[in-house]
C-alpha atoms as a PDB file:
ATOM      1  CA  LEU A   1       0.000   0.000   0.000  1.00  0.00           C
ATOM      2  CA  ASP A   2       3.077   2.228   0.052  1.00  0.00           C
ATOM      3  CA  ARG A   3       2.253   3.546   3.520  1.00  0.00           C
ATOM      4  CA  PRO A   4       2.457   2.331   7.104  1.00  0.00           C
ATOM      5  CA  VAL A   5      -0.552   0.421   8.398  1.00  0.00           C
ATOM      6  CA  ALA A   6      -1.727  -0.632  11.833  1.00  0.00           C
ATOM      7  CA  LEU A   7      -3.222  -4.104  11.807  1.00  0.00           C
ATOM      8  CA  THR A   8      -5.649  -5.512  14.351  1.00  0.00           C
ATOM      9  CA  VAL A   9      -6.393  -9.214  14.040  1.00  0.00           C
ATOM     10  CA  LEU A  10      -9.510 -10.604  15.680  1.00  0.00           C
ATOM     11  CA  ALA A  11      -9.408 -13.956  13.898  1.00  0.00           C
ATOM     12  CA  VAL A  12      -9.933 -17.107  15.931  1.00  0.00           C
ATOM     13  CA  SER A  13      -9.204 -20.468  14.359  1.00  0.00           C
ATOM     14  CA  GLY A  14     -12.339 -22.556  14.099  1.00  0.00           C
ATOM     15  CA  ALA A  15     -14.724 -19.608  14.465  1.00  0.00           C
ATOM     16  CA  ARG A  16     -18.068 -19.608  12.717  1.00  0.00           C
ATOM     17  CA  VAL A  17     -20.149 -16.572  11.814  1.00  0.00           C
ATOM     18  CA  SER A  18     -22.079 -16.835  15.100  1.00  0.00           C
ATOM     19  CA  ASP A  19     -18.765 -16.694  17.009  1.00  0.00           C
ATOM     20  CA  VAL A  20     -17.806 -13.559  15.104  1.00  0.00           C
ATOM     21  CA  VAL A  21     -21.092 -11.875  16.009  1.00  0.00           C
ATOM     22  CA  ASP A  22     -21.062 -12.986  19.644  1.00  0.00           C
ATOM     23  CA  ASP A  23     -17.365 -12.896  20.550  1.00  0.00           C
ATOM     24  CA  GLN A  24     -15.305 -10.946  18.029  1.00  0.00           C
ATOM     25  CA  LEU A  25     -17.470  -7.955  17.108  1.00  0.00           C
ATOM     26  CA  PRO A  26     -17.572  -6.727  20.715  1.00  0.00           C
ATOM     27  CA  ARG A  27     -13.741  -6.486  20.554  1.00  0.00           C
ATOM     28  CA  PHE A  28     -13.774  -4.480  17.318  1.00  0.00           C
ATOM     29  CA  PRO A  29     -11.639  -1.331  17.631  1.00  0.00           C
ATOM     30  CA  GLU A  30     -13.457   1.978  17.747  1.00  0.00           C
ATOM     31  CA  GLY A  31     -12.599   4.757  15.325  1.00  0.00           C
ATOM     32  CA  GLY A  32      -9.883   5.071  12.732  1.00  0.00           C
ATOM     33  CA  VAL A  33     -10.741   1.942  10.761  1.00  0.00           C
ATOM     34  CA  ASP A  34     -10.018   2.346   7.050  1.00  0.00           C
ATOM     35  CA  THR A  35     -10.308  -1.210   5.795  1.00  0.00           C
ATOM     36  CA  VAL A  36     -11.893  -4.375   7.170  1.00  0.00           C
ATOM     37  CA  LEU A  37     -11.013  -7.795   5.784  1.00  0.00           C
ATOM     38  CA  ILE A  38     -13.509 -10.518   6.629  1.00  0.00           C
ATOM     39  CA  SER A  39     -12.844 -14.218   6.259  1.00  0.00           C
ATOM     40  CA  ILE A  40     -15.830 -16.184   7.521  1.00  0.00           C
ATOM     41  CA  GLY A  41     -17.490 -19.237   6.094  1.00  0.00           C
ATOM     42  CA  ALA A  42     -15.186 -22.235   5.834  1.00  0.00           C
ATOM     43  CA  ASN A  43     -16.040 -23.497   9.310  1.00  0.00           C
ATOM     44  CA  ASP A  44     -19.724 -22.775   8.725  1.00  0.00           C
ATOM     45  CA  ALA A  45     -19.588 -24.865   5.558  1.00  0.00           C
ATOM     46  CA  VAL A  46     -17.892 -27.774   7.326  1.00  0.00           C
ATOM     47  CA  HIS A  47     -20.230 -27.598  10.335  1.00  0.00           C
ATOM     48  CA  LEU A  48     -23.323 -27.408   8.103  1.00  0.00           C
ATOM     49  CA  THR A  49     -24.570 -23.967   9.097  1.00  0.00           C
ATOM     50  CA  ARG A  50     -27.697 -23.406   7.039  1.00  0.00           C
ATOM     51  CA  ALA A  51     -27.175 -20.857   4.258  1.00  0.00           C
ATOM     52  CA  GLY A  52     -30.065 -18.682   5.468  1.00  0.00           C
ATOM     53  CA  ASP A  53     -28.719 -18.625   9.028  1.00  0.00           C
ATOM     54  CA  PHE A  54     -25.242 -17.851   7.717  1.00  0.00           C
ATOM     55  CA  GLU A  55     -26.552 -14.974   5.620  1.00  0.00           C
ATOM     56  CA  ARG A  56     -28.555 -13.487   8.503  1.00  0.00           C
ATOM     57  CA  ARG A  57     -25.582 -13.585  10.879  1.00  0.00           C
ATOM     58  CA  TYR A  58     -23.144 -12.300   8.217  1.00  0.00           C
ATOM     59  CA  GLU A  59     -25.473  -9.339   7.672  1.00  0.00           C
ATOM     60  CA  GLN A  60     -25.188  -8.640  11.420  1.00  0.00           C
ATOM     61  CA  VAL A  61     -21.415  -8.536  11.024  1.00  0.00           C
ATOM     62  CA  LEU A  62     -21.660  -6.127   8.101  1.00  0.00           C
ATOM     63  CA  ASP A  63     -24.190  -3.923   9.890  1.00  0.00           C
ATOM     64  CA  ALA A  64     -21.809  -3.568  12.858  1.00  0.00           C
ATOM     65  CA  LEU A  65     -18.862  -2.300  10.812  1.00  0.00           C
ATOM     66  CA  PRO A  66     -17.952   1.392  10.870  1.00  0.00           C
ATOM     67  CA  GLU A  67     -19.514   3.496   8.141  1.00  0.00           C
ATOM     68  CA  GLY A  68     -17.064   4.579   5.493  1.00  0.00           C
ATOM     69  CA  ALA A  69     -14.669   1.665   6.014  1.00  0.00           C
ATOM     70  CA  ASP A  70     -13.681  -0.255   2.900  1.00  0.00           C
ATOM     71  CA  VAL A  71     -14.904  -3.819   3.380  1.00  0.00           C
ATOM     72  CA  VAL A  72     -13.140  -6.731   1.707  1.00  0.00           C
ATOM     73  CA  MET A  73     -15.048  -9.988   1.939  1.00  0.00           C
ATOM     74  CA  LEU A  74     -12.986 -13.101   1.340  1.00  0.00           C
ATOM     75  CA  GLY A  75     -14.789 -15.995  -0.256  1.00  0.00           C
ATOM     76  CA  VAL A  76     -14.653 -19.501   1.122  1.00  0.00           C
ATOM     77  CA  PRO A  77     -11.493 -21.340   0.095  1.00  0.00           C
ATOM     78  CA  ASP A  78     -11.692 -24.475  -2.043  1.00  0.00           C
ATOM     79  CA  ILE A  79     -12.689 -26.879   0.722  1.00  0.00           C
ATOM     80  CA  GLY A  80     -13.057 -29.586  -1.903  1.00  0.00           C
ATOM     81  CA  SER A  81      -9.258 -29.650  -2.113  1.00  0.00           C
ATOM     82  CA  VAL A  82      -8.620 -30.370   1.590  1.00  0.00           C
ATOM     83  CA  PRO A  83      -6.489 -33.543   1.849  1.00  0.00           C
ATOM     84  CA  ARG A  84      -7.696 -34.304   5.389  1.00  0.00           C
ATOM     85  CA  PHE A  85     -11.155 -35.161   4.039  1.00  0.00           C
ATOM     86  CA  ALA A  86     -11.597 -38.517   2.320  1.00  0.00           C
ATOM     87  CA  GLN A  87     -14.017 -38.814  -0.585  1.00  0.00           C
ATOM     88  CA  PRO A  88     -16.978 -38.432  -0.728  1.00  0.00           C
ATOM     89  CA  LEU A  89     -16.707 -36.051   2.258  1.00  0.00           C
ATOM     90  CA  ARG A  90     -14.232 -33.896   0.341  1.00  0.00           C
ATOM     91  CA  PHE A  91     -16.708 -33.504  -2.515  1.00  0.00           C
ATOM     92  CA  LEU A  92     -19.573 -32.670  -0.144  1.00  0.00           C
ATOM     93  CA  ALA A  93     -17.439 -30.146   1.729  1.00  0.00           C
ATOM     94  CA  GLY A  94     -16.602 -28.511  -1.593  1.00  0.00           C
ATOM     95  CA  VAL A  95     -20.283 -28.236  -2.490  1.00  0.00           C
ATOM     96  CA  ARG A  96     -21.116 -26.775   0.938  1.00  0.00           C
ATOM     97  CA  GLY A  97     -18.208 -24.337   0.607  1.00  0.00           C
ATOM     98  CA  GLY A  98     -19.549 -23.211  -2.751  1.00  0.00           C
ATOM     99  CA  THR A  99     -23.008 -22.665  -1.266  1.00  0.00           C
ATOM    100  CA  ILE A 100     -21.683 -20.471   1.556  1.00  0.00           C
ATOM    101  CA  ASP A 101     -19.316 -18.711  -0.852  1.00  0.00           C
ATOM    102  CA  ALA A 102     -22.264 -17.743  -3.077  1.00  0.00           C
ATOM    103  CA  VAL A 103     -23.930 -16.074  -0.071  1.00  0.00           C
ATOM    104  CA  ILE A 104     -20.784 -14.026   0.561  1.00  0.00           C
ATOM    105  CA  ASP A 105     -20.471 -13.038  -3.097  1.00  0.00           C
ATOM    106  CA  ASP A 106     -24.138 -11.976  -3.200  1.00  0.00           C
ATOM    107  CA  LEU A 107     -23.851  -9.941   0.012  1.00  0.00           C
ATOM    108  CA  ALA A 108     -20.713  -8.204  -1.251  1.00  0.00           C
ATOM    109  CA  GLY A 109     -22.427  -7.289  -4.509  1.00  0.00           C
ATOM    110  CA  ALA A 110     -25.580  -6.073  -2.789  1.00  0.00           C
ATOM    111  CA  ARG A 111     -23.611  -3.850  -0.421  1.00  0.00           C
ATOM    112  CA  GLY A 112     -20.971  -2.615  -2.847  1.00  0.00           C
ATOM    113  CA  HIS A 113     -18.102  -4.312  -1.027  1.00  0.00           C
ATOM    114  CA  THR A 114     -15.077  -6.009  -2.536  1.00  0.00           C
ATOM    115  CA  TYR A 115     -15.386  -9.788  -2.897  1.00  0.00           C
ATOM    116  CA  VAL A 116     -12.209 -11.855  -3.267  1.00  0.00           C
ATOM    117  CA  ASP A 117     -12.752 -15.254  -4.913  1.00  0.00           C
ATOM    118  CA  ILE A 118     -10.269 -17.224  -2.810  1.00  0.00           C
ATOM    119  CA  ALA A 119     -11.404 -20.616  -4.166  1.00  0.00           C
ATOM    120  CA  GLY A 120     -11.273 -19.535  -7.789  1.00  0.00           C
ATOM    121  CA  ARG A 121      -8.008 -17.659  -7.505  1.00  0.00           C
ATOM    122  CA  THR A 122      -6.061 -20.104  -5.328  1.00  0.00           C
ATOM    123  CA  GLY A 123      -7.911 -23.438  -5.403  1.00  0.00           C
ATOM    124  CA  PRO A 124      -6.173 -24.750  -8.527  1.00  0.00           C
ATOM    125  CA  ALA A 125      -2.733 -24.288  -6.931  1.00  0.00           C
ATOM    126  CA  PHE A 126      -3.880 -26.005  -3.713  1.00  0.00           C
ATOM    127  CA  ARG A 127      -5.191 -28.942  -5.752  1.00  0.00           C
ATOM    128  CA  ARG A 128      -2.057 -29.118  -7.914  1.00  0.00           C
ATOM    129  CA  ASP A 129       0.402 -29.035  -5.017  1.00  0.00           C
ATOM    130  CA  PRO A 130      -1.240 -29.828  -1.668  1.00  0.00           C
ATOM    131  CA  GLY A 131       2.123 -30.658  -0.088  1.00  0.00           C
ATOM    132  CA  THR A 132       3.253 -27.069  -0.601  1.00  0.00           C
ATOM    133  CA  PHE A 133       0.072 -25.147   0.096  1.00  0.00           C
ATOM    134  CA  PHE A 134      -1.424 -27.103   3.013  1.00  0.00           C
ATOM    135  CA  ALA A 135       0.018 -27.167   6.528  1.00  0.00           C
ATOM    136  CA  ALA A 136       1.001 -30.398   8.245  1.00  0.00           C
ATOM    137  CA  ASP A 137      -2.596 -30.828   9.504  1.00  0.00           C
ATOM    138  CA  ASP A 138      -3.731 -31.246   5.843  1.00  0.00           C
ATOM    139  CA  TYR A 139      -6.534 -28.755   6.544  1.00  0.00           C
ATOM    140  CA  HIS A 140      -5.235 -25.214   7.024  1.00  0.00           C
ATOM    141  CA  PRO A 141      -3.015 -23.386   4.548  1.00  0.00           C
ATOM    142  CA  SER A 142       0.730 -23.517   5.048  1.00  0.00           C
ATOM    143  CA  ASP A 143       2.792 -20.325   5.068  1.00  0.00           C
ATOM    144  CA  ALA A 144       3.028 -20.673   1.277  1.00  0.00           C
ATOM    145  CA  GLY A 145      -0.744 -21.119   1.089  1.00  0.00           C
ATOM    146  CA  TYR A 146      -1.341 -17.954   3.080  1.00  0.00           C
ATOM    147  CA  VAL A 147       1.094 -16.098   0.818  1.00  0.00           C
ATOM    148  CA  LEU A 148      -0.969 -17.263  -2.154  1.00  0.00           C
ATOM    149  CA  TRP A 149      -4.146 -16.006  -0.461  1.00  0.00           C
ATOM    150  CA  SER A 150      -2.536 -12.671   0.391  1.00  0.00           C
ATOM    151  CA  GLN A 151      -1.421 -12.225  -3.222  1.00  0.00           C
ATOM    152  CA  ALA A 152      -5.011 -12.752  -4.395  1.00  0.00           C
ATOM    153  CA  ILE A 153      -6.310 -10.275  -1.814  1.00  0.00           C
ATOM    154  CA  THR A 154      -3.651  -7.688  -2.595  1.00  0.00           C
ATOM    155  CA  ALA A 155      -4.270  -7.977  -6.345  1.00  0.00           C
ATOM    156  CA  ASP A 156      -7.955  -7.241  -5.798  1.00  0.00           C
ATOM    157  CA  LEU A 157      -7.250  -4.366  -3.396  1.00  0.00           C
ATOM    158  CA  LEU A 158      -4.826  -2.759  -5.822  1.00  0.00           C
ATOM    159  CA  GLY A 159      -7.078  -3.407  -8.802  1.00  0.00           C
ATOM    160  CA  SER A 160      -4.612  -5.642 -10.583  1.00  0.00           C
ATOM    161  CA  GLY A 161      -6.617  -8.844 -10.082  1.00  0.00           C
END
């Protein structure tokens, strides 16, 4: 961004959208927020949160954000590529991830926020080389996987995606 930034991370591994509403939003910093990056949905997809419930709670998250902040909504990663899941669970997780991802994409469009297609932009690399892009738990991204995600996010933020 060619300028210093202050970063506040509220992420909690394993959190679902209801956890964000109940536990993380109350810790949201007041004032001075320029950009908010939101990554919610993968755990909701895996834990079978109903799409309507997910959408309702995600709207609560969006409604609580400071006016005027740029909001970047990350799509659900390609859960159908997760090595930890055996087939057919891997396939089903991928379908569920796509369902939740579509909710995020629709909400971003309806509210004029930036949507980053994490699955579309990074999924092929994760599928091609899971040993590089997945961590030792065969579920979460490795450092290289997170770099790939950050490159997709940065490209969209800078308009070069």
